[in-house]
């Protein structure tokens, strides 16, 4: 899915960072305008506070030289690329600190981006935990080697 998002925010828009699950300083984000050309597949635009963001995107792309119409029973569990567990960082105990924000606002004029794709997040505000995962497997099935083909080997 591809769409064009053009947010022109009248005057100002503010997001208070006061969420229940907030784990950082209390600040207000002020953004004048946001322009994003493309949000693809699992791209996310989040305005405001959130406790947790989880974005997962899995894809199997099958390309054949000769078309074979019908259904293909391709299962993610059949491929090692989708079985490997992604390790989660083990963070040390929280550090005790005291912070003073002389200016309670984070102010930005215009945010412009070409686009966001698989498991990408554009977030204005505060969040507690973020987990992003995107896995893609491309299968190319050729009868003969395509022009310009070079053999690649792991060294």
N, C-alpha and C. Protein backbone atom coordinates (compact mmCIF):
# COMPACT_ATOMS: atom_id res chain seq x y z
N UNK A 1 0.84 -1.17 0.00
CA UNK A 1 0.00 0.00 0.00
C UNK A 1 0.89 1.24 0.00
N UNK A 2 0.67 2.13 -0.92
CA UNK A 2 1.42 3.37 -1.00
C UNK A 2 0.42 4.52 -0.94
N UNK A 3 0.72 5.49 -0.09
CA UNK A 3 -0.15 6.65 0.00
C UNK A 3 0.68 7.89 0.22
N UNK A 4 0.12 9.01 -0.08
CA UNK A 4 0.82 10.27 0.15
C UNK A 4 0.18 10.93 1.36
N UNK A 5 1.00 11.24 2.33
CA UNK A 5 0.53 11.88 3.55
C UNK A 5 1.08 13.29 3.57
N UNK A 6 0.23 14.25 3.64
CA UNK A 6 0.66 15.64 3.70
C UNK A 6 -0.10 16.31 4.83
N UNK A 7 0.54 16.45 5.95
CA UNK A 7 -0.09 17.08 7.10
C UNK A 7 0.42 18.50 7.20
N UNK A 8 -0.42 19.44 7.02
CA UNK A 8 -0.05 20.82 7.26
C UNK A 8 -0.84 21.24 8.48
N UNK A 9 -0.14 21.38 9.56
CA UNK A 9 -0.80 21.60 10.84
C UNK A 9 -1.05 23.09 11.03
N UNK A 10 -2.30 23.44 11.23
CA UNK A 10 -2.64 24.85 11.39
C UNK A 10 -2.04 25.39 12.68
N UNK A 11 -1.42 26.53 12.57
CA UNK A 11 -0.73 27.18 13.68
C UNK A 11 0.28 26.24 14.33
N UNK A 12 -0.15 25.53 15.35
CA UNK A 12 0.76 24.63 16.05
C UNK A 12 0.01 23.38 16.47
N UNK A 13 0.76 22.32 16.62
CA UNK A 13 0.19 21.12 17.22
C UNK A 13 1.14 20.69 18.32
N UNK A 14 0.60 20.35 19.44
CA UNK A 14 1.44 20.01 20.58
C UNK A 14 1.12 18.61 21.07
N UNK A 15 2.14 17.93 21.50
CA UNK A 15 1.98 16.60 22.08
C UNK A 15 2.66 16.62 23.44
N UNK A 16 1.87 16.48 24.49
CA UNK A 16 2.45 16.45 25.83
C UNK A 16 3.03 15.08 26.10
N UNK A 17 4.21 15.06 26.63
CA UNK A 17 4.86 13.80 26.95
C UNK A 17 4.56 13.44 28.40
N UNK A 18 3.30 13.16 28.68
CA UNK A 18 2.87 12.87 30.04
C UNK A 18 2.20 11.51 30.15
N UNK A 19 2.46 10.62 29.22
CA UNK A 19 1.80 9.32 29.18
C UNK A 19 2.01 8.51 30.44
N UNK A 20 1.07 7.63 30.74
CA UNK A 20 1.14 6.78 31.93
C UNK A 20 2.41 5.95 31.93
N UNK A 21 2.80 5.45 30.76
CA UNK A 21 4.00 4.62 30.65
C UNK A 21 5.23 5.44 30.31
N UNK A 22 5.13 6.74 30.46
CA UNK A 22 6.23 7.63 30.10
C UNK A 22 7.45 7.33 30.96
N UNK A 23 8.60 7.22 30.30
CA UNK A 23 9.81 6.91 31.05
C UNK A 23 10.87 7.99 30.84
N UNK A 24 10.53 9.07 30.16
CA UNK A 24 11.48 10.14 29.95
C UNK A 24 10.89 11.45 30.45
N UNK A 25 11.60 12.53 30.19
CA UNK A 25 11.22 13.84 30.69
C UNK A 25 9.86 14.30 30.16
N UNK A 26 9.22 15.16 30.93
CA UNK A 26 7.94 15.71 30.50
C UNK A 26 8.23 16.94 29.64
N UNK A 27 7.99 16.82 28.34
CA UNK A 27 8.23 17.90 27.39
C UNK A 27 7.04 17.98 26.44
N UNK A 28 6.89 19.10 25.78
CA UNK A 28 5.85 19.27 24.77
C UNK A 28 6.53 19.41 23.42
N UNK A 29 6.11 18.59 22.45
CA UNK A 29 6.63 18.68 21.08
C UNK A 29 5.72 19.59 20.28
N UNK A 30 6.30 20.60 19.64
CA UNK A 30 5.54 21.52 18.81
C UNK A 30 6.07 21.39 17.39
N UNK A 31 5.21 20.96 16.47
CA UNK A 31 5.60 20.74 15.08
C UNK A 31 4.70 21.57 14.18
N UNK A 32 5.30 22.39 13.32
CA UNK A 32 4.52 23.25 12.43
C UNK A 32 3.89 22.46 11.28
N UNK A 33 4.67 21.60 10.61
CA UNK A 33 4.11 20.82 9.50
C UNK A 33 4.92 19.55 9.28
N UNK A 34 4.24 18.54 8.75
CA UNK A 34 4.87 17.25 8.43
C UNK A 34 4.47 16.89 7.00
N UNK A 35 5.47 16.56 6.16
CA UNK A 35 5.20 16.13 4.79
C UNK A 35 5.94 14.81 4.57
N UNK A 36 5.19 13.75 4.29
CA UNK A 36 5.76 12.44 3.98
C UNK A 36 5.16 11.98 2.67
N UNK A 37 6.01 11.66 1.69
CA UNK A 37 5.51 11.25 0.38
C UNK A 37 4.94 9.84 0.36
N UNK A 38 5.62 8.88 1.01
CA UNK A 38 5.20 7.48 0.90
C UNK A 38 5.28 6.77 2.25
N UNK A 39 4.21 6.09 2.59
CA UNK A 39 4.22 5.11 3.68
C UNK A 39 3.95 3.77 3.02
N UNK A 40 4.91 2.86 3.11
CA UNK A 40 4.78 1.57 2.43
C UNK A 40 4.57 0.47 3.46
N UNK A 41 4.01 -0.62 3.04
CA UNK A 41 3.67 -1.80 3.85
C UNK A 41 3.54 -1.50 5.33
N UNK A 42 4.50 -1.85 6.16
CA UNK A 42 4.33 -1.74 7.60
C UNK A 42 4.87 -0.44 8.19
N UNK A 43 4.88 0.63 7.42
CA UNK A 43 5.32 1.92 7.94
C UNK A 43 4.25 2.52 8.85
N UNK A 44 4.68 3.20 9.91
CA UNK A 44 3.75 3.72 10.91
C UNK A 44 4.04 5.20 11.18
N UNK A 45 2.99 6.00 11.22
CA UNK A 45 3.08 7.40 11.67
C UNK A 45 2.36 7.47 13.00
N UNK A 46 3.06 7.86 14.04
CA UNK A 46 2.50 7.92 15.39
C UNK A 46 2.63 9.34 15.90
N UNK A 47 1.52 9.97 16.19
CA UNK A 47 1.52 11.32 16.76
C UNK A 47 0.95 11.24 18.15
N UNK A 48 1.75 11.56 19.14
CA UNK A 48 1.31 11.48 20.52
C UNK A 48 2.06 10.40 21.27
N UNK A 49 1.76 10.27 22.54
CA UNK A 49 2.46 9.31 23.38
C UNK A 49 1.97 7.89 23.16
N UNK A 50 2.86 6.95 23.40
CA UNK A 50 2.49 5.53 23.34
C UNK A 50 3.35 4.78 24.34
N UNK A 51 2.79 3.72 24.88
CA UNK A 51 3.54 2.91 25.83
C UNK A 51 4.47 1.94 25.14
N UNK A 52 4.05 1.44 23.97
CA UNK A 52 4.83 0.42 23.27
C UNK A 52 4.51 0.45 21.78
N UNK A 53 5.54 0.23 20.95
CA UNK A 53 5.36 0.12 19.51
C UNK A 53 5.99 -1.19 19.06
N UNK A 54 5.21 -2.04 18.38
CA UNK A 54 5.70 -3.29 17.81
C UNK A 54 5.35 -3.31 16.33
N UNK A 55 6.36 -3.37 15.48
CA UNK A 55 6.14 -3.44 14.03
C UNK A 55 6.84 -4.67 13.48
N UNK A 56 6.08 -5.54 12.85
CA UNK A 56 6.63 -6.75 12.25
C UNK A 56 6.25 -6.79 10.78
N UNK A 57 7.20 -7.19 9.94
CA UNK A 57 6.91 -7.32 8.52
C UNK A 57 7.69 -8.51 7.98
N UNK A 58 6.99 -9.50 7.45
CA UNK A 58 7.62 -10.67 6.84
C UNK A 58 7.20 -10.73 5.38
N UNK A 59 8.13 -11.13 4.51
CA UNK A 59 7.80 -11.21 3.08
C UNK A 59 8.59 -12.33 2.42
N UNK A 60 7.94 -13.04 1.53
CA UNK A 60 8.60 -13.99 0.64
C UNK A 60 8.29 -13.52 -0.78
N UNK A 61 9.34 -13.20 -1.53
CA UNK A 61 9.17 -12.74 -2.91
C UNK A 61 9.65 -13.86 -3.83
N UNK A 62 8.76 -14.34 -4.68
CA UNK A 62 9.07 -15.43 -5.60
C UNK A 62 9.07 -14.89 -7.02
N UNK A 63 10.21 -15.05 -7.70
CA UNK A 63 10.32 -14.60 -9.09
C UNK A 63 10.70 -15.80 -9.94
N UNK A 64 9.92 -16.06 -10.97
CA UNK A 64 10.19 -17.18 -11.88
C UNK A 64 10.37 -16.67 -13.30
N UNK A 65 11.30 -17.32 -14.02
CA UNK A 65 11.51 -16.95 -15.42
C UNK A 65 10.29 -17.33 -16.25
N UNK A 66 9.75 -18.50 -16.01
CA UNK A 66 8.53 -18.94 -16.69
C UNK A 66 7.39 -18.90 -15.69
N UNK A 67 6.32 -18.26 -16.09
CA UNK A 67 5.17 -18.16 -15.20
C UNK A 67 4.52 -19.53 -15.00
N UNK A 68 4.25 -19.84 -13.74
CA UNK A 68 3.48 -21.04 -13.40
C UNK A 68 2.32 -20.55 -12.55
N UNK A 69 1.17 -20.54 -13.15
CA UNK A 69 0.01 -20.01 -12.44
C UNK A 69 -0.56 -21.08 -11.52
N UNK A 70 -1.10 -20.64 -10.44
CA UNK A 70 -1.65 -21.55 -9.45
C UNK A 70 -1.25 -21.06 -8.08
N UNK A 71 -1.52 -21.86 -7.09
CA UNK A 71 -1.18 -21.45 -5.74
C UNK A 71 0.14 -22.08 -5.33
N UNK A 72 0.90 -21.34 -4.57
CA UNK A 72 2.17 -21.82 -4.03
C UNK A 72 2.01 -21.88 -2.52
N UNK A 73 2.39 -22.98 -1.96
CA UNK A 73 2.27 -23.15 -0.52
C UNK A 73 3.61 -22.80 0.13
N UNK A 74 3.91 -21.51 0.20
CA UNK A 74 5.14 -21.04 0.81
C UNK A 74 4.84 -20.66 2.25
N UNK A 75 5.52 -21.30 3.18
CA UNK A 75 5.30 -21.04 4.60
C UNK A 75 6.56 -20.43 5.21
N UNK A 76 6.41 -19.42 6.05
CA UNK A 76 7.55 -18.79 6.69
C UNK A 76 8.37 -19.79 7.50
N UNK A 77 7.72 -20.72 8.16
CA UNK A 77 8.42 -21.69 9.02
C UNK A 77 9.33 -22.63 8.23
N UNK A 78 9.16 -22.70 6.92
CA UNK A 78 10.00 -23.57 6.10
C UNK A 78 11.35 -22.96 5.76
N UNK A 79 11.59 -21.71 6.14
CA UNK A 79 12.83 -21.02 5.78
C UNK A 79 13.55 -20.54 7.03
N UNK A 80 14.87 -20.81 7.07
CA UNK A 80 15.68 -20.43 8.23
C UNK A 80 15.67 -18.93 8.52
N UNK A 81 15.56 -18.12 7.48
CA UNK A 81 15.58 -16.67 7.67
C UNK A 81 14.47 -16.20 8.62
N UNK A 82 13.40 -16.96 8.71
CA UNK A 82 12.28 -16.57 9.56
C UNK A 82 12.27 -17.32 10.90
N UNK A 83 13.21 -18.26 11.07
CA UNK A 83 13.27 -19.04 12.31
C UNK A 83 14.24 -18.45 13.33
N UNK A 84 15.26 -17.76 12.84
CA UNK A 84 16.31 -17.24 13.72
C UNK A 84 15.71 -16.25 14.71
N UNK A 85 16.03 -16.43 15.97
CA UNK A 85 15.55 -15.53 17.01
C UNK A 85 16.43 -14.29 17.04
N UNK A 86 15.81 -13.14 17.03
CA UNK A 86 16.56 -11.89 17.11
C UNK A 86 16.78 -11.57 18.58
N UNK A 87 18.05 -11.42 18.98
CA UNK A 87 18.32 -11.16 20.41
C UNK A 87 17.84 -9.77 20.82
N UNK A 88 17.34 -9.69 22.03
CA UNK A 88 16.90 -8.42 22.58
C UNK A 88 17.98 -7.94 23.54
N UNK A 89 18.36 -6.69 23.40
CA UNK A 89 19.44 -6.13 24.22
C UNK A 89 19.07 -6.21 25.70
N UNK A 90 20.05 -6.56 26.51
CA UNK A 90 19.87 -6.62 27.95
C UNK A 90 20.44 -5.33 28.54
N UNK A 91 19.55 -4.47 29.01
CA UNK A 91 19.99 -3.18 29.51
C UNK A 91 20.31 -3.27 31.00
N UNK A 92 21.31 -2.52 31.44
CA UNK A 92 21.64 -2.52 32.87
C UNK A 92 20.53 -1.87 33.69
N UNK A 93 20.65 -1.95 34.99
CA UNK A 93 19.66 -1.34 35.89
C UNK A 93 19.53 0.15 35.58
N UNK A 94 18.34 0.71 35.82
CA UNK A 94 18.15 2.15 35.56
C UNK A 94 19.11 2.99 36.40
N UNK A 95 19.57 4.08 35.82
CA UNK A 95 20.46 5.00 36.50
C UNK A 95 19.60 6.07 37.18
N UNK A 96 19.90 6.36 38.44
CA UNK A 96 19.16 7.40 39.14
C UNK A 96 19.68 8.75 38.66
N UNK A 97 18.74 9.60 38.26
CA UNK A 97 19.14 10.92 37.78
C UNK A 97 18.04 11.92 38.05
N UNK A 98 18.42 13.18 38.03
CA UNK A 98 17.46 14.27 38.18
C UNK A 98 17.70 15.22 37.02
N UNK A 99 16.63 15.54 36.29
CA UNK A 99 16.75 16.38 35.10
C UNK A 99 15.90 17.63 35.25
N UNK A 100 16.45 18.74 34.82
CA UNK A 100 15.72 20.00 34.82
C UNK A 100 15.68 20.51 33.38
N UNK A 101 14.48 20.71 32.85
CA UNK A 101 14.31 21.23 31.49
C UNK A 101 13.97 22.71 31.58
N UNK A 102 14.93 23.55 31.24
CA UNK A 102 14.70 24.99 31.30
C UNK A 102 13.61 25.40 30.32
N UNK A 103 13.59 24.76 29.15
CA UNK A 103 12.57 25.03 28.14
C UNK A 103 11.71 23.78 27.98
N UNK A 104 10.42 23.83 28.36
CA UNK A 104 9.58 22.63 28.32
C UNK A 104 9.07 22.28 26.92
N UNK A 105 9.52 22.99 25.87
CA UNK A 105 9.05 22.73 24.52
C UNK A 105 10.20 22.27 23.62
N UNK A 106 9.90 21.30 22.77
CA UNK A 106 10.79 20.92 21.68
C UNK A 106 10.07 21.42 20.43
N UNK A 107 10.64 22.40 19.75
CA UNK A 107 9.96 23.05 18.63
C UNK A 107 10.66 22.75 17.32
N UNK A 108 9.86 22.33 16.33
CA UNK A 108 10.37 22.01 15.00
C UNK A 108 9.49 22.71 13.99
N UNK A 109 10.09 23.30 12.95
CA UNK A 109 9.31 23.98 11.92
C UNK A 109 8.63 22.99 11.00
N UNK A 110 9.39 22.40 10.08
CA UNK A 110 8.81 21.50 9.08
C UNK A 110 9.63 20.21 9.04
N UNK A 111 8.94 19.08 9.02
CA UNK A 111 9.58 17.78 8.87
C UNK A 111 9.19 17.25 7.50
N UNK A 112 10.19 16.95 6.66
CA UNK A 112 9.93 16.42 5.32
C UNK A 112 10.68 15.11 5.16
N UNK A 113 9.99 14.10 4.64
CA UNK A 113 10.62 12.81 4.40
C UNK A 113 10.12 12.23 3.09
N UNK A 114 11.02 11.52 2.39
CA UNK A 114 10.63 10.85 1.15
C UNK A 114 9.68 9.71 1.48
N UNK A 115 10.00 8.91 2.49
CA UNK A 115 9.09 7.82 2.80
C UNK A 115 9.57 6.91 3.91
N UNK A 116 8.67 6.04 4.32
CA UNK A 116 8.93 5.05 5.35
C UNK A 116 8.42 3.71 4.85
N UNK A 117 9.18 2.66 5.08
CA UNK A 117 8.80 1.35 4.56
C UNK A 117 8.76 0.33 5.68
N UNK A 118 9.08 -0.89 5.36
CA UNK A 118 8.93 -2.04 6.26
C UNK A 118 9.35 -1.77 7.70
N UNK A 119 8.39 -1.84 8.58
CA UNK A 119 8.61 -1.71 10.02
C UNK A 119 9.31 -0.42 10.42
N UNK A 120 9.14 0.64 9.67
CA UNK A 120 9.72 1.94 10.03
C UNK A 120 8.67 2.75 10.78
N UNK A 121 9.12 3.52 11.75
CA UNK A 121 8.20 4.32 12.55
C UNK A 121 8.62 5.78 12.50
N UNK A 122 7.68 6.65 12.23
CA UNK A 122 7.87 8.10 12.34
C UNK A 122 7.02 8.49 13.54
N UNK A 123 7.67 8.87 14.63
CA UNK A 123 6.97 9.09 15.88
C UNK A 123 7.26 10.48 16.43
N UNK A 124 6.21 11.23 16.71
CA UNK A 124 6.34 12.51 17.39
C UNK A 124 5.71 12.31 18.75
N UNK A 125 6.51 12.35 19.79
CA UNK A 125 6.00 12.11 21.13
C UNK A 125 6.92 11.19 21.90
N UNK A 126 6.39 10.56 22.91
CA UNK A 126 7.16 9.71 23.79
C UNK A 126 6.66 8.28 23.69
N UNK A 127 7.58 7.34 23.83
CA UNK A 127 7.17 5.94 23.91
C UNK A 127 8.07 5.21 24.90
N UNK A 128 7.55 4.13 25.45
CA UNK A 128 8.33 3.35 26.40
C UNK A 128 9.25 2.38 25.68
N UNK A 129 8.69 1.39 25.00
CA UNK A 129 9.47 0.36 24.32
C UNK A 129 9.15 0.33 22.83
N UNK A 130 10.18 0.10 22.02
CA UNK A 130 10.01 0.01 20.57
C UNK A 130 10.67 -1.27 20.09
N UNK A 131 9.94 -2.06 19.30
CA UNK A 131 10.49 -3.28 18.69
C UNK A 131 10.11 -3.27 17.22
N UNK A 132 11.13 -3.26 16.35
CA UNK A 132 10.91 -3.22 14.91
C UNK A 132 11.60 -4.43 14.29
N UNK A 133 10.90 -5.13 13.43
CA UNK A 133 11.48 -6.31 12.78
C UNK A 133 10.95 -6.41 11.36
N UNK A 134 11.87 -6.57 10.41
CA UNK A 134 11.49 -6.76 9.02
C UNK A 134 12.38 -7.85 8.44
N UNK A 135 11.75 -8.87 7.87
CA UNK A 135 12.50 -9.97 7.26
C UNK A 135 11.95 -10.21 5.86
N UNK A 136 12.84 -10.35 4.90
CA UNK A 136 12.42 -10.61 3.52
C UNK A 136 13.30 -11.70 2.93
N UNK A 137 12.68 -12.61 2.22
CA UNK A 137 13.40 -13.68 1.52
C UNK A 137 13.03 -13.58 0.06
N UNK A 138 14.04 -13.47 -0.80
CA UNK A 138 13.79 -13.39 -2.24
C UNK A 138 14.24 -14.68 -2.89
N UNK A 139 13.34 -15.31 -3.62
CA UNK A 139 13.64 -16.55 -4.33
C UNK A 139 13.53 -16.26 -5.82
N UNK A 140 14.62 -16.51 -6.54
CA UNK A 140 14.61 -16.31 -7.99
C UNK A 140 14.84 -17.66 -8.64
N UNK A 141 13.92 -18.06 -9.48
CA UNK A 141 13.97 -19.36 -10.12
C UNK A 141 14.12 -19.16 -11.62
N UNK A 142 15.35 -19.41 -12.13
CA UNK A 142 15.64 -19.23 -13.55
C UNK A 142 15.94 -20.57 -14.21
N UNK A 143 15.53 -20.70 -15.45
CA UNK A 143 15.86 -21.89 -16.24
C UNK A 143 17.33 -21.81 -16.65
N UNK A 144 17.74 -20.66 -17.10
CA UNK A 144 19.14 -20.42 -17.46
C UNK A 144 19.60 -19.17 -16.72
N UNK A 145 20.91 -19.00 -16.59
CA UNK A 145 21.42 -17.82 -15.90
C UNK A 145 21.08 -16.56 -16.71
N UNK A 146 20.60 -15.54 -16.04
CA UNK A 146 20.28 -14.30 -16.75
C UNK A 146 21.54 -13.60 -17.25
N UNK A 147 21.43 -12.73 -18.25
CA UNK A 147 22.60 -12.01 -18.76
C UNK A 147 23.27 -11.21 -17.65
N UNK A 148 24.60 -11.23 -17.65
CA UNK A 148 25.35 -10.48 -16.65
C UNK A 148 25.46 -11.18 -15.31
N UNK A 149 25.00 -12.42 -15.20
CA UNK A 149 25.04 -13.17 -13.95
C UNK A 149 26.48 -13.43 -13.55
N UNK A 150 26.81 -13.19 -12.31
CA UNK A 150 28.12 -13.55 -11.77
C UNK A 150 27.90 -14.41 -10.55
N UNK A 151 28.69 -15.44 -10.44
CA UNK A 151 28.59 -16.37 -9.31
C UNK A 151 29.16 -15.70 -8.07
N UNK A 152 28.40 -15.68 -7.01
CA UNK A 152 28.89 -15.11 -5.74
C UNK A 152 29.08 -16.24 -4.76
N UNK A 153 30.19 -16.18 -4.09
CA UNK A 153 30.48 -17.20 -3.08
C UNK A 153 30.86 -16.52 -1.78
N UNK A 154 30.45 -17.13 -0.68
CA UNK A 154 30.83 -16.61 0.63
C UNK A 154 32.29 -16.91 0.87
N UNK A 155 33.02 -15.92 1.29
CA UNK A 155 34.46 -16.10 1.55
C UNK A 155 34.69 -16.07 3.03
